[in-house]
Amino acid sequence: MAKSGIPKKWIYLGIIVIVILILLSWFVGTYNSLISADQNVKKTWADVETQYQRRIDLIPNLVNSVKGYMTFEQNLLTKITDLRTQWMVTTATEERVKVANELESVLKTIIAVSENYPDLKADKTVTALMDELAGTENRVAVARINYNDAVRSYNNLVKFIPSNIVAGWMGMTEKTMFQATLGAEEAPKVNLTA
């Protein structure tokens, strides 16, 4: 007696092919999501660096404008210039974050010191540069927040099941979020009597 229809081996083969295609589609989709998240992290870090560069570009103008008023603060001005140079020659992300944090601390000090000089506060060039710097600091803060959001999204993909399987196979690991340095929450102390 002859059987009619499709042989069972073809049905099993079809099921196996469909399962393989589903798994392959899942793998490709997950991998592409991980790559997209990784690229977003890189883009948002570039945004942070752009704002840091804006800050770096403002510093020579600010230092030159303030120099005449703050001759006894030469060490502070030298430190800010040195940090600017370090930023420009450093390429590693971790080192750039360290330099940026040091620079931020020195800039807070220079702003605090400048508030104690009535002539300096009245100088239009210094005031304009301080406003530019304050705007830049706000942009830096927003860029850092966006970077941390991008890192959080990427890290979620790397850690969550089942995308963590693909991330592990592809050697994708967690990225480090931007964190403030210890003591950054405190305002700089300025001693004009020293």
Protein backbone atom coordinates (compact mmCIF):
# COMPACT_ATOMS: atom_id res chain seq x y z
CA MET A 1 0.00 0.00 0.00
CA ALA A 2 1.50 3.38 -1.06
CA LYS A 3 1.57 6.36 1.29
CA SER A 4 0.42 9.69 0.04
CA GLY A 5 1.69 13.13 1.14
CA ILE A 6 5.06 14.44 2.23
CA PRO A 7 7.51 12.01 3.80
CA LYS A 8 8.15 12.53 7.52
CA LYS A 9 11.87 13.14 6.98
CA TRP A 10 11.04 16.21 4.87
CA ILE A 11 8.67 17.50 7.54
CA TYR A 12 11.39 17.10 10.20
CA LEU A 13 13.94 18.72 7.94
CA GLY A 14 11.55 21.64 7.32
CA ILE A 15 11.02 22.10 11.06
CA ILE A 16 14.78 22.06 11.67
CA VAL A 17 15.33 24.63 8.88
CA ILE A 18 12.62 26.90 10.31
CA VAL A 19 14.10 26.66 13.83
CA ILE A 20 17.57 27.44 12.45
CA LEU A 21 16.20 30.44 10.52
CA ILE A 22 14.43 31.74 13.64
CA LEU A 23 17.59 31.38 15.73
CA LEU A 24 19.69 33.00 13.02
CA SER A 25 17.24 35.90 12.75
CA TRP A 26 17.30 36.34 16.54
CA PHE A 27 21.11 36.26 16.57
CA VAL A 28 21.45 38.80 13.76
CA GLY A 29 18.83 41.11 15.29
CA THR A 30 20.43 40.94 18.73
CA TYR A 31 23.92 41.45 17.34
CA ASN A 32 22.76 44.47 15.34
CA SER A 33 21.10 45.92 18.46
CA LEU A 34 24.35 45.50 20.39
CA ILE A 35 26.37 47.15 17.61
CA SER A 36 23.86 50.01 17.40
CA ALA A 37 24.06 50.54 21.18
CA ASP A 38 27.87 50.43 21.05
CA GLN A 39 27.92 53.02 18.27
CA ASN A 40 25.57 55.23 20.29
CA VAL A 41 27.97 55.04 23.26
CA LYS A 42 30.85 56.09 21.00
CA LYS A 43 28.81 58.94 19.53
CA THR A 44 27.73 60.26 22.92
CA TRP A 45 31.32 60.07 24.21
CA ALA A 46 32.36 62.10 21.17
CA ASP A 47 29.71 64.66 22.20
CA VAL A 48 31.26 64.83 25.67
CA GLU A 49 34.70 65.33 24.13
CA THR A 50 33.32 68.05 21.87
CA GLN A 51 32.14 70.00 24.89
CA TYR A 52 35.44 69.41 26.68
CA GLN A 53 37.23 70.71 23.59
CA ARG A 54 35.00 73.80 23.62
CA ARG A 55 36.05 74.34 27.23
CA ILE A 56 39.71 73.84 26.30
CA ASP A 57 39.40 76.36 23.47
CA LEU A 58 37.94 79.00 25.81
CA ILE A 59 40.68 78.67 28.40
CA PRO A 60 43.49 80.65 26.70
CA ASN A 61 41.17 83.63 26.22
CA LEU A 62 39.98 83.45 29.81
CA VAL A 63 43.50 83.05 31.20
CA ASN A 64 44.82 85.99 29.17
CA SER A 65 41.91 88.19 30.20
CA VAL A 66 42.24 87.33 33.88
CA LYS A 67 46.06 87.39 34.04
CA GLY A 68 46.38 91.11 34.54
CA TYR A 69 44.06 91.09 37.52
CA MET A 70 45.39 88.00 39.22
CA THR A 71 49.14 88.23 39.14
CA PHE A 72 49.50 86.54 42.53
CA GLU A 73 47.45 83.59 41.26
CA GLN A 74 50.09 82.64 38.69
CA ASN A 75 50.20 79.03 39.95
CA LEU A 76 46.50 78.67 39.28
CA LEU A 77 46.87 80.05 35.76
CA THR A 78 49.87 77.80 35.11
CA LYS A 79 47.94 74.75 36.34
CA ILE A 80 44.99 75.48 34.05
CA THR A 81 47.33 75.91 31.07
CA ASP A 82 49.14 72.66 31.90
CA LEU A 83 45.86 70.76 32.18
CA ARG A 84 44.74 72.17 28.83
CA THR A 85 47.95 70.86 27.28
CA GLN A 86 47.46 67.44 28.92
CA TRP A 87 43.95 67.26 27.46
CA MET A 88 45.19 68.00 23.98
CA VAL A 89 47.89 65.28 24.01
CA THR A 90 45.89 62.59 25.82
CA THR A 91 43.78 60.17 23.80
CA ALA A 92 42.70 57.52 26.34
CA THR A 93 39.14 58.02 27.56
CA GLU A 94 39.96 57.33 31.21
CA GLU A 95 42.90 59.76 31.18
CA ARG A 96 40.79 62.43 29.47
CA VAL A 97 38.09 62.07 32.12
CA LYS A 98 40.76 62.48 34.84
CA VAL A 99 42.21 65.61 33.19
CA ALA A 100 38.72 67.02 32.59
CA ASN A 101 37.83 66.56 36.25
CA GLU A 102 41.04 68.28 37.38
CA LEU A 103 40.41 71.09 34.92
CA GLU A 104 36.86 71.49 36.16
CA SER A 105 38.12 71.83 39.72
CA VAL A 106 40.65 74.49 38.74
CA LEU A 107 38.04 76.38 36.69
CA LYS A 108 35.69 76.44 39.68
CA THR A 109 38.52 77.92 41.73
CA ILE A 110 39.31 80.58 39.13
CA ILE A 111 35.63 81.54 38.92
CA ALA A 112 35.41 81.75 42.71
CA VAL A 113 38.56 83.86 42.87
CA SER A 114 37.36 86.18 40.11
CA GLU A 115 34.19 86.95 42.06
CA ASN A 116 36.37 88.64 44.69
CA TYR A 117 37.80 91.14 42.22
CA PRO A 118 35.27 93.93 41.47
CA ASP A 119 37.31 95.23 38.51
CA LEU A 120 37.58 91.73 37.09
CA LYS A 121 33.85 91.11 37.44
CA ALA A 122 33.15 94.41 35.67
CA ASP A 123 35.44 93.62 32.73
CA LYS A 124 33.19 92.88 29.74
CA THR A 125 35.61 90.45 28.12
CA VAL A 126 36.03 88.42 31.30
CA THR A 127 32.28 88.49 31.94
CA ALA A 128 31.56 87.27 28.41
CA LEU A 129 34.16 84.52 28.72
CA MET A 130 32.81 83.46 32.11
CA ASP A 131 29.31 83.29 30.62
CA GLU A 132 30.66 81.20 27.73
CA LEU A 133 32.42 78.93 30.20
CA ALA A 134 29.28 78.58 32.32
CA GLY A 135 27.32 77.67 29.18
CA THR A 136 29.99 75.16 28.26
CA GLU A 137 29.85 73.60 31.72
CA ASN A 138 26.10 73.15 31.27
CA ARG A 139 26.69 71.53 27.87
CA VAL A 140 29.30 69.24 29.43
CA ALA A 141 26.81 68.19 32.10
CA VAL A 142 24.13 67.40 29.50
CA ALA A 143 26.62 65.51 27.33
CA ARG A 144 27.73 63.44 30.33
CA ILE A 145 24.11 62.59 31.16
CA ASN A 146 23.48 61.54 27.56
CA TYR A 147 26.66 59.44 27.59
CA ASN A 148 25.61 57.67 30.79
CA ASP A 149 22.17 57.00 29.30
CA ALA A 150 23.78 55.46 26.23
CA VAL A 151 26.12 53.35 28.39
CA ARG A 152 23.19 52.20 30.53
CA SER A 153 21.26 51.07 27.44
CA TYR A 154 24.29 49.26 26.06
CA ASN A 155 25.10 47.63 29.41
CA ASN A 156 21.49 46.45 29.71
CA LEU A 157 21.80 44.67 26.37
CA VAL A 158 25.13 43.15 27.41
CA LYS A 159 23.75 41.89 30.73
CA PHE A 160 20.11 40.99 30.01
CA ILE A 161 19.06 37.51 28.94
CA PRO A 162 19.07 36.46 26.09
CA SER A 163 21.14 39.22 24.45
CA ASN A 164 23.93 38.56 26.94
CA ILE A 165 24.54 35.26 25.12
CA VAL A 166 25.31 37.03 21.85
CA ALA A 167 27.34 39.71 23.68
CA GLY A 168 29.43 37.00 25.33
CA TRP A 169 30.02 35.22 22.03
CA MET A 170 31.10 38.46 20.40
CA GLY A 171 33.32 39.55 23.29
CA MET A 172 31.19 42.58 24.13
CA THR A 173 31.55 43.67 27.74
CA GLU A 174 30.11 46.40 29.94
CA LYS A 175 31.28 49.96 29.46
CA THR A 176 32.14 52.33 32.29
CA MET A 177 29.80 55.18 33.09
CA PHE A 178 31.11 58.66 33.68
CA GLN A 179 31.35 59.33 37.40
CA ALA A 180 32.24 62.47 39.26
CA THR A 181 35.50 62.43 41.14
CA LEU A 182 35.54 62.14 44.89
CA GLY A 183 34.95 65.55 46.45
CA ALA A 184 33.44 67.08 43.30
CA GLU A 185 30.27 67.86 45.24
CA GLU A 186 32.15 70.41 47.36
CA ALA A 187 32.73 73.97 46.22
CA PRO A 188 36.39 74.95 45.90
CA LYS A 189 37.87 76.80 48.86
CA VAL A 190 39.47 80.09 48.01
CA ASN A 191 41.90 81.78 50.37
CA LEU A 192 42.79 85.30 49.26
CA THR A 193 44.89 86.05 52.32
CA ALA A 194 47.61 83.50 51.58
